Amino acid sequence: MKNFAKNNQGRAPFTLYQETSVNQQFAEGQTVSFYSELLCSSLVGVLLKKYTNSCLIDISGCHELTIASREKYNSRLVINYKMIFEDM
């Protein structure tokens, strides 16, 4: 297997995160309220990782969901920043 840096030929490495005015309003470790279209409900979770247009949310402490639902999604959901409520 070849090294990525050799194949990249001097270009910037690929990244899933670029700072924008939307995502800089949030911080990793922050507790957020959001709406999940996947689960069709409003939930609360902890922001684990920021991406350019979305973020990874930990729902392991969300008691509104059944244990089976949390296990199905490995206690994590990717949520668009537009689905996060402004006030907690």
PDB file of N, CA and C in Angstrom:
ATOM      1  N   MET A   1       0.841  -1.173   0.000  1.00  0.00           N
ATOM      2  CA  MET A   1       0.000   0.000   0.000  1.00  0.00           C
ATOM      3  C   MET A   1       0.888   1.238   0.000  1.00  0.00           C
ATOM      4  N   LYS A   2       0.559   2.207  -0.841  1.00  0.00           N
ATOM      5  CA  LYS A   2       1.358   3.417  -0.970  1.00  0.00           C
ATOM      6  C   LYS A   2       0.958   4.440   0.084  1.00  0.00           C
ATOM      7  N   ASN A   3       1.899   5.257   0.446  1.00  0.00           N
ATOM      8  CA  ASN A   3       1.667   6.321   1.411  1.00  0.00           C
ATOM      9  C   ASN A   3       0.801   7.398   0.770  1.00  0.00           C
ATOM     10  N   PHE A   4      -0.171   7.921   1.508  1.00  0.00           N
ATOM     11  CA  PHE A   4      -1.069   8.952   1.001  1.00  0.00           C
ATOM     12  C   PHE A   4      -0.301  10.196   0.567  1.00  0.00           C
ATOM     13  N   ALA A   5       0.714  10.586   1.306  1.00  0.00           N
ATOM     14  CA  ALA A   5       1.472  11.800   1.003  1.00  0.00           C
ATOM     15  C   ALA A   5       2.142  11.707  -0.364  1.00  0.00           C
ATOM     16  N   LYS A   6       2.600  10.523  -0.756  1.00  0.00           N
ATOM     17  CA  LYS A   6       3.221  10.365  -2.063  1.00  0.00           C
ATOM     18  C   LYS A   6       2.203  10.518  -3.177  1.00  0.00           C
ATOM     19  N   ASN A   7       1.003   9.984  -2.978  1.00  0.00           N
ATOM     20  CA  ASN A   7      -0.040  10.086  -3.990  1.00  0.00           C
ATOM     21  C   ASN A   7      -0.637  11.481  -4.067  1.00  0.00           C
ATOM     22  N   ASN A   8      -0.540  12.233  -3.020  1.00  0.00           N
ATOM     23  CA  ASN A   8      -1.137  13.557  -2.942  1.00  0.00           C
ATOM     24  C   ASN A   8      -0.340  14.601  -3.717  1.00  0.00           C
ATOM     25  N   GLN A   9       0.907  14.376  -3.941  1.00  0.00           N
ATOM     26  CA  GLN A   9       1.800  15.220  -4.746  1.00  0.00           C
ATOM     27  C   GLN A   9       1.746  16.694  -4.367  1.00  0.00           C
ATOM     28  N   GLY A  10       1.944  16.980  -3.091  1.00  0.00           N
ATOM     29  CA  GLY A  10       2.077  18.358  -2.640  1.00  0.00           C
ATOM     30  C   GLY A  10       0.780  19.091  -2.373  1.00  0.00           C
ATOM     31  N   ARG A  11      -0.361  18.488  -2.667  1.00  0.00           N
ATOM     32  CA  ARG A  11      -1.641  19.153  -2.391  1.00  0.00           C
ATOM     33  C   ARG A  11      -1.986  19.023  -0.914  1.00  0.00           C
ATOM     34  N   ALA A  12      -2.885  19.856  -0.459  1.00  0.00           N
ATOM     35  CA  ALA A  12      -3.321  19.806   0.935  1.00  0.00           C
ATOM     36  C   ALA A  12      -4.049  18.492   1.193  1.00  0.00           C
ATOM     37  N   PRO A  13      -3.878  17.901   2.371  1.00  0.00           N
ATOM     38  CA  PRO A  13      -4.572  16.641   2.678  1.00  0.00           C
ATOM     39  C   PRO A  13      -6.086  16.842   2.747  1.00  0.00           C
ATOM     40  N   PHE A  14      -6.816  15.798   2.420  1.00  0.00           N
ATOM     41  CA  PHE A  14      -8.272  15.828   2.459  1.00  0.00           C
ATOM     42  C   PHE A  14      -8.739  15.912   3.903  1.00  0.00           C
ATOM     43  N   THR A  15      -9.720  16.750   4.160  1.00  0.00           N
ATOM     44  CA  THR A  15     -10.260  16.898   5.503  1.00  0.00           C
ATOM     45  C   THR A  15     -11.779  16.989   5.449  1.00  0.00           C
ATOM     46  N   LEU A  16     -12.435  16.508   6.482  1.00  0.00           N
ATOM     47  CA  LEU A  16     -13.888  16.584   6.570  1.00  0.00           C
ATOM     48  C   LEU A  16     -14.347  17.830   7.310  1.00  0.00           C
ATOM     49  N   TYR A  17     -13.412  18.639   7.779  1.00  0.00           N
ATOM     50  CA  TYR A  17     -13.779  19.803   8.564  1.00  0.00           C
ATOM     51  C   TYR A  17     -13.140  21.064   8.004  1.00  0.00           C
ATOM     52  N   GLN A  18     -13.985  22.031   7.747  1.00  0.00           N
ATOM     53  CA  GLN A  18     -13.538  23.379   7.416  1.00  0.00           C
ATOM     54  C   GLN A  18     -14.350  24.330   8.282  1.00  0.00           C
ATOM     55  N   GLU A  19     -13.694  25.301   8.869  1.00  0.00           N
ATOM     56  CA  GLU A  19     -14.348  26.259   9.752  1.00  0.00           C
ATOM     57  C   GLU A  19     -15.315  27.131   8.953  1.00  0.00           C
ATOM     58  N   THR A  20     -16.560  27.222   9.427  1.00  0.00           N
ATOM     59  CA  THR A  20     -17.562  28.099   8.822  1.00  0.00           C
ATOM     60  C   THR A  20     -18.218  28.920   9.928  1.00  0.00           C
ATOM     61  N   SER A  21     -18.996  29.919   9.532  1.00  0.00           N
ATOM     62  CA  SER A  21     -19.672  30.748  10.533  1.00  0.00           C
ATOM     63  C   SER A  21     -20.724  29.946  11.298  1.00  0.00           C
ATOM     64  N   VAL A  22     -21.252  28.901  10.694  1.00  0.00           N
ATOM     65  CA  VAL A  22     -22.268  28.078  11.361  1.00  0.00           C
ATOM     66  C   VAL A  22     -21.632  27.146  12.376  1.00  0.00           C
ATOM     67  N   ASN A  23     -20.616  26.389  11.961  1.00  0.00           N
ATOM     68  CA  ASN A  23     -20.071  25.382  12.876  1.00  0.00           C
ATOM     69  C   ASN A  23     -19.186  25.963  13.977  1.00  0.00           C
ATOM     70  N   GLN A  24     -18.732  27.184  13.830  1.00  0.00           N
ATOM     71  CA  GLN A  24     -17.908  27.754  14.895  1.00  0.00           C
ATOM     72  C   GLN A  24     -18.754  28.221  16.090  1.00  0.00           C
ATOM     73  N   GLN A  25     -20.081  28.157  15.963  1.00  0.00           N
ATOM     74  CA  GLN A  25     -20.970  28.481  17.083  1.00  0.00           C
ATOM     75  C   GLN A  25     -21.029  27.350  18.105  1.00  0.00           C
ATOM     76  N   PHE A  26     -20.513  26.176  17.725  1.00  0.00           N
ATOM     77  CA  PHE A  26     -20.598  24.997  18.574  1.00  0.00           C
ATOM     78  C   PHE A  26     -19.211  24.528  18.978  1.00  0.00           C
ATOM     79  N   ALA A  27     -19.137  23.830  20.107  1.00  0.00           N
ATOM     80  CA  ALA A  27     -17.861  23.325  20.605  1.00  0.00           C
ATOM     81  C   ALA A  27     -17.999  21.842  20.931  1.00  0.00           C
ATOM     82  N   GLU A  28     -16.920  21.113  20.728  1.00  0.00           N
ATOM     83  CA  GLU A  28     -16.918  19.702  21.088  1.00  0.00           C
ATOM     84  C   GLU A  28     -17.092  19.578  22.595  1.00  0.00           C
ATOM     85  N   GLY A  29     -17.938  18.654  23.031  1.00  0.00           N
ATOM     86  CA  GLY A  29     -18.246  18.485  24.441  1.00  0.00           C
ATOM     87  C   GLY A  29     -19.480  19.251  24.892  1.00  0.00           C
ATOM     88  N   GLN A  30     -20.017  20.084  24.027  1.00  0.00           N
ATOM     89  CA  GLN A  30     -21.190  20.894  24.343  1.00  0.00           C
ATOM     90  C   GLN A  30     -22.454  20.022  24.298  1.00  0.00           C
ATOM     91  N   THR A  31     -23.364  20.236  25.236  1.00  0.00           N
ATOM     92  CA  THR A  31     -24.656  19.556  25.223  1.00  0.00           C
ATOM     93  C   THR A  31     -25.600  20.357  24.338  1.00  0.00           C
ATOM     94  N   VAL A  32     -26.253  19.666  23.395  1.00  0.00           N
ATOM     95  CA  VAL A  32     -27.122  20.337  22.432  1.00  0.00           C
ATOM     96  C   VAL A  32     -28.472  19.625  22.345  1.00  0.00           C
ATOM     97  N   SER A  33     -29.520  20.400  22.048  1.00  0.00           N
ATOM     98  CA  SER A  33     -30.842  19.866  21.743  1.00  0.00           C
ATOM     99  C   SER A  33     -30.982  19.873  20.232  1.00  0.00           C
ATOM    100  N   PHE A  34     -31.544  18.809  19.682  1.00  0.00           N
ATOM    101  CA  PHE A  34     -31.648  18.706  18.234  1.00  0.00           C
ATOM    102  C   PHE A  34     -32.841  17.856  17.844  1.00  0.00           C
ATOM    103  N   TYR A  35     -33.233  17.963  16.574  1.00  0.00           N
ATOM    104  CA  TYR A  35     -34.290  17.129  16.036  1.00  0.00           C
ATOM    105  C   TYR A  35     -33.660  16.092  15.121  1.00  0.00           C
ATOM    106  N   SER A  36     -34.009  14.835  15.325  1.00  0.00           N
ATOM    107  CA  SER A  36     -33.505  13.746  14.495  1.00  0.00           C
ATOM    108  C   SER A  36     -34.604  13.297  13.543  1.00  0.00           C
ATOM    109  N   GLU A  37     -34.384  13.487  12.242  1.00  0.00           N
ATOM    110  CA  GLU A  37     -35.338  12.997  11.248  1.00  0.00           C
ATOM    111  C   GLU A  37     -35.348  11.477  11.230  1.00  0.00           C
ATOM    112  N   LEU A  38     -34.218  10.871  11.532  1.00  0.00           N
ATOM    113  CA  LEU A  38     -34.099   9.418  11.543  1.00  0.00           C
ATOM    114  C   LEU A  38     -34.988   8.794  12.621  1.00  0.00           C
ATOM    115  N   LEU A  39     -35.006   9.416  13.801  1.00  0.00           N
ATOM    116  CA  LEU A  39     -35.795   8.906  14.920  1.00  0.00           C
ATOM    117  C   LEU A  39     -37.120   9.653  15.110  1.00  0.00           C
ATOM    118  N   CYS A  40     -37.337  10.691  14.300  1.00  0.00           N
ATOM    119  CA  CYS A  40     -38.572  11.499  14.336  1.00  0.00           C
ATOM    120  C   CYS A  40     -38.875  12.029  15.733  1.00  0.00           C
ATOM    121  N   SER A  41     -37.858  12.558  16.392  1.00  0.00           N
ATOM    122  CA  SER A  41     -38.078  13.121  17.725  1.00  0.00           C
ATOM    123  C   SER A  41     -36.999  14.144  18.070  1.00  0.00           C
ATOM    124  N   SER A  42     -37.319  14.970  19.058  1.00  0.00           N
ATOM    125  CA  SER A  42     -36.353  15.932  19.586  1.00  0.00           C
ATOM    126  C   SER A  42     -35.581  15.256  20.699  1.00  0.00           C
ATOM    127  N   LEU A  43     -34.265  15.428  20.690  1.00  0.00           N
ATOM    128  CA  LEU A  43     -33.398  14.738  21.641  1.00  0.00           C
ATOM    129  C   LEU A  43     -32.343  15.691  22.186  1.00  0.00           C
ATOM    130  N   VAL A  44     -31.620  15.238  23.189  1.00  0.00           N
ATOM    131  CA  VAL A  44     -30.491  15.971  23.762  1.00  0.00           C
ATOM    132  C   VAL A  44     -29.288  15.046  23.735  1.00  0.00           C
ATOM    133  N   GLY A  45     -28.138  15.599  23.337  1.00  0.00           N
ATOM    134  CA  GLY A  45     -26.932  14.797  23.298  1.00  0.00           C
ATOM    135  C   GLY A  45     -25.698  15.667  23.425  1.00  0.00           C
ATOM    136  N   VAL A  46     -24.538  15.033  23.388  1.00  0.00           N
ATOM    137  CA  VAL A  46     -23.262  15.732  23.533  1.00  0.00           C
ATOM    138  C   VAL A  46     -22.543  15.711  22.191  1.00  0.00           C
ATOM    139  N   LEU A  47     -22.119  16.872  21.739  1.00  0.00           N
ATOM    140  CA  LEU A  47     -21.412  16.994  20.476  1.00  0.00           C
ATOM    141  C   LEU A  47     -20.017  16.378  20.619  1.00  0.00           C
ATOM    142  N   LEU A  48     -19.734  15.347  19.832  1.00  0.00           N
ATOM    143  CA  LEU A  48     -18.447  14.663  19.908  1.00  0.00           C
ATOM    144  C   LEU A  48     -17.429  15.185  18.907  1.00  0.00           C
ATOM    145  N   LYS A  49     -17.880  15.419  17.670  1.00  0.00           N
ATOM    146  CA  LYS A  49     -16.947  15.807  16.606  1.00  0.00           C
ATOM    147  C   LYS A  49     -17.649  16.738  15.641  1.00  0.00           C
ATOM    148  N   LYS A  50     -16.956  17.797  15.223  1.00  0.00           N
ATOM    149  CA  LYS A  50     -17.512  18.755  14.275  1.00  0.00           C
ATOM    150  C   LYS A  50     -17.024  18.442  12.869  1.00  0.00           C
ATOM    151  N   TYR A  51     -17.944  18.513  11.907  1.00  0.00           N
ATOM    152  CA  TYR A  51     -17.625  18.413  10.491  1.00  0.00           C
ATOM    153  C   TYR A  51     -18.028  19.731   9.846  1.00  0.00           C
ATOM    154  N   THR A  52     -17.817  19.887   8.543  1.00  0.00           N
ATOM    155  CA  THR A  52     -18.113  21.148   7.882  1.00  0.00           C
ATOM    156  C   THR A  52     -19.592  21.506   7.965  1.00  0.00           C
ATOM    157  N   ASN A  53     -20.493  20.585   7.628  1.00  0.00           N
ATOM    158  CA  ASN A  53     -21.923  20.871   7.588  1.00  0.00           C
ATOM    159  C   ASN A  53     -22.738  20.095   8.620  1.00  0.00           C
ATOM    160  N   SER A  54     -22.098  19.254   9.387  1.00  0.00           N
ATOM    161  CA  SER A  54     -22.811  18.417  10.353  1.00  0.00           C
ATOM    162  C   SER A  54     -21.894  18.097  11.522  1.00  0.00           C
ATOM    163  N   CYS A  55     -22.427  17.371  12.495  1.00  0.00           N
ATOM    164  CA  CYS A  55     -21.622  16.999  13.649  1.00  0.00           C
ATOM    165  C   CYS A  55     -22.050  15.625  14.150  1.00  0.00           C
ATOM    166  N   LEU A  56     -21.162  14.984  14.875  1.00  0.00           N
ATOM    167  CA  LEU A  56     -21.419  13.683  15.469  1.00  0.00           C
ATOM    168  C   LEU A  56     -21.880  13.916  16.908  1.00  0.00           C
ATOM    169  N   ILE A  57     -23.057  13.369  17.246  1.00  0.00           N
ATOM    170  CA  ILE A  57     -23.659  13.577  18.559  1.00  0.00           C
ATOM    171  C   ILE A  57     -23.739  12.251  19.307  1.00  0.00           C
ATOM    172  N   ASP A  58     -23.348  12.277  20.579  1.00  0.00           N
ATOM    173  CA  ASP A  58     -23.448  11.102  21.445  1.00  0.00           C
ATOM    174  C   ASP A  58     -24.832  11.105  22.093  1.00  0.00           C
ATOM    175  N   ILE A  59     -25.597  10.027  21.866  1.00  0.00           N
ATOM    176  CA  ILE A  59     -26.939   9.930  22.435  1.00  0.00           C
ATOM    177  C   ILE A  59     -27.020   8.858  23.523  1.00  0.00           C
ATOM    178  N   SER A  60     -25.875   8.427  24.040  1.00  0.00           N
ATOM    179  CA  SER A  60     -25.870   7.365  25.047  1.00  0.00           C
ATOM    180  C   SER A  60     -26.582   7.781  26.337  1.00  0.00           C
ATOM    181  N   GLY A  61     -26.582   9.057  26.662  1.00  0.00           N
ATOM    182  CA  GLY A  61     -27.242   9.528  27.876  1.00  0.00           C
ATOM    183  C   GLY A  61     -28.663   9.986  27.650  1.00  0.00           C
ATOM    184  N   CYS A  62     -29.188   9.790  26.462  1.00  0.00           N
ATOM    185  CA  CYS A  62     -30.536  10.231  26.105  1.00  0.00           C
ATOM    186  C   CYS A  62     -31.555   9.175  26.554  1.00  0.00           C
ATOM    187  N   HIS A  63     -32.249   9.449  27.644  1.00  0.00           N
ATOM    188  CA  HIS A  63     -33.160   8.465  28.219  1.00  0.00           C
ATOM    189  C   HIS A  63     -34.519   8.444  27.535  1.00  0.00           C
ATOM    190  N   GLU A  64     -34.759   9.356  26.571  1.00  0.00           N
ATOM    191  CA  GLU A  64     -36.008   9.340  25.811  1.00  0.00           C
ATOM    192  C   GLU A  64     -36.036   8.159  24.840  1.00  0.00           C
ATOM    193  N   LEU A  65     -34.854   7.632  24.501  1.00  0.00           N
ATOM    194  CA  LEU A  65     -34.750   6.510  23.565  1.00  0.00           C
ATOM    195  C   LEU A  65     -34.662   5.190  24.310  1.00  0.00           C
ATOM    196  N   THR A  66     -35.119   4.142  23.674  1.00  0.00           N
ATOM    197  CA  THR A  66     -34.977   2.815  24.260  1.00  0.00           C
ATOM    198  C   THR A  66     -33.528   2.363  24.118  1.00  0.00           C
ATOM    199  N   ILE A  67     -33.144   1.404  24.907  1.00  0.00           N
ATOM    200  CA  ILE A  67     -31.785   0.861  24.834  1.00  0.00           C
ATOM    201  C   ILE A  67     -31.538   0.272  23.452  1.00  0.00           C
ATOM    202  N   ALA A  68     -32.547  -0.377  22.879  1.00  0.00           N
ATOM    203  CA  ALA A  68     -32.423  -0.975  21.544  1.00  0.00           C
ATOM    204  C   ALA A  68     -32.144   0.095  20.482  1.00  0.00           C
ATOM    205  N   SER A  69     -32.818   1.237  20.584  1.00  0.00           N
ATOM    206  CA  SER A  69     -32.588   2.328  19.627  1.00  0.00           C
ATOM    207  C   SER A  69     -31.171   2.873  19.748  1.00  0.00           C
ATOM    208  N   ARG A  70     -30.709   3.036  20.977  1.00  0.00           N
ATOM    209  CA  ARG A  70     -29.343   3.543  21.182  1.00  0.00           C
ATOM    210  C   ARG A  70     -28.315   2.556  20.647  1.00  0.00           C
ATOM    211  N   GLU A  71     -28.526   1.261  20.886  1.00  0.00           N
ATOM    212  CA  GLU A  71     -27.592   0.245  20.403  1.00  0.00           C
ATOM    213  C   GLU A  71     -27.611   0.135  18.884  1.00  0.00           C
ATOM    214  N   LYS A  72     -28.768   0.330  18.289  1.00  0.00           N
ATOM    215  CA  LYS A  72     -28.898   0.241  16.821  1.00  0.00           C
ATOM    216  C   LYS A  72     -27.982   1.250  16.123  1.00  0.00           C
ATOM    217  N   TYR A  73     -27.856   2.428  16.693  1.00  0.00           N
ATOM    218  CA  TYR A  73     -27.034   3.493  16.102  1.00  0.00           C
ATOM    219  C   TYR A  73     -25.716   3.691  16.843  1.00  0.00           C
ATOM    220  N   ASN A  74     -25.301   2.717  17.644  1.00  0.00           N
ATOM    221  CA  ASN A  74     -24.046   2.783  18.405  1.00  0.00           C
ATOM    222  C   ASN A  74     -23.959   4.041  19.266  1.00  0.00           C
ATOM    223  N   SER A  75     -25.082   4.493  19.751  1.00  0.00           N
ATOM    224  CA  SER A  75     -25.179   5.678  20.623  1.00  0.00           C
ATOM    225  C   SER A  75     -24.644   6.950  19.983  1.00  0.00           C
ATOM    226  N   ARG A  76     -24.635   6.986  18.652  1.00  0.00           N
ATOM    227  CA  ARG A  76     -24.144   8.173  17.948  1.00  0.00           C
ATOM    228  C   ARG A  76     -25.011   8.466  16.734  1.00  0.00           C
ATOM    229  N   LEU A  77     -25.216   9.754  16.458  1.00  0.00           N
ATOM    230  CA  LEU A  77     -25.934  10.188  15.266  1.00  0.00           C
ATOM    231  C   LEU A  77     -25.169  11.335  14.617  1.00  0.00           C
ATOM    232  N   VAL A  78     -25.219  11.408  13.303  1.00  0.00           N
ATOM    233  CA  VAL A  78     -24.678  12.561  12.585  1.00  0.00           C
ATOM    234  C   VAL A  78     -25.859  13.473  12.297  1.00  0.00           C
ATOM    235  N   ILE A  79     -25.759  14.718  12.752  1.00  0.00           N
ATOM    236  CA  ILE A  79     -26.847  15.687  12.661  1.00  0.00           C
ATOM    237  C   ILE A  79     -26.363  16.936  11.939  1.00  0.00           C
ATOM    238  N   ASN A  80     -27.186  17.445  11.023  1.00  0.00           N
ATOM    239  CA  ASN A  80     -26.899  18.708  10.355  1.00  0.00           C
ATOM    240  C   ASN A  80     -27.038  19.834  11.381  1.00  0.00           C
ATOM    241  N   TYR A  81     -26.188  20.840  11.275  1.00  0.00           N
ATOM    242  CA  TYR A  81     -26.238  21.965  12.222  1.00  0.00           C
ATOM    243  C   TYR A  81     -27.594  22.668  12.198  1.00  0.00           C
ATOM    244  N   LYS A  82     -28.310  22.613  11.079  1.00  0.00           N
ATOM    245  CA  LYS A  82     -29.615  23.262  10.971  1.00  0.00           C
ATOM    246  C   LYS A  82     -30.655  22.606  11.879  1.00  0.00           C
ATOM    247  N   MET A  83     -30.399  21.360  12.295  1.00  0.00           N
ATOM    248  CA  MET A  83     -31.342  20.639  13.154  1.00  0.00           C
ATOM    249  C   MET A  83     -31.105  20.869  14.644  1.00  0.00           C
ATOM    250  N   ILE A  84     -30.080  21.654  14.981  1.00  0.00           N
ATOM    251  CA  ILE A  84     -29.791  21.948  16.386  1.00  0.00           C
ATOM    252  C   ILE A  84     -30.570  23.180  16.802  1.00  0.00           C
ATOM    253  N   PHE A  85     -31.242  23.091  17.954  1.00  0.00           N
ATOM    254  CA  PHE A  85     -32.014  24.207  18.465  1.00  0.00           C
ATOM    255  C   PHE A  85     -31.073  25.270  19.011  1.00  0.00           C
ATOM    256  N   GLU A  86     -31.429  26.501  18.841  1.00  0.00           N
ATOM    257  CA  GLU A  86     -30.593  27.621  19.294  1.00  0.00           C
ATOM    258  C   GLU A  86     -30.535  27.712  20.816  1.00  0.00           C
ATOM    259  N   ASP A  87     -31.675  27.570  21.484  1.00  0.00           N
ATOM    260  CA  ASP A  87     -31.678  27.695  22.938  1.00  0.00           C
ATOM    261  C   ASP A  87     -31.926  26.341  23.570  1.00  0.00           C
ATOM    262  N   MET A  88     -31.240  26.084  24.678  1.00  0.00           N
ATOM    263  CA  MET A  88     -31.349  24.807  25.396  1.00  0.00           C
ATOM    264  C   MET A  88     -32.301  24.951  26.551  1.00  0.00           C
TER     265      MET A  88
END
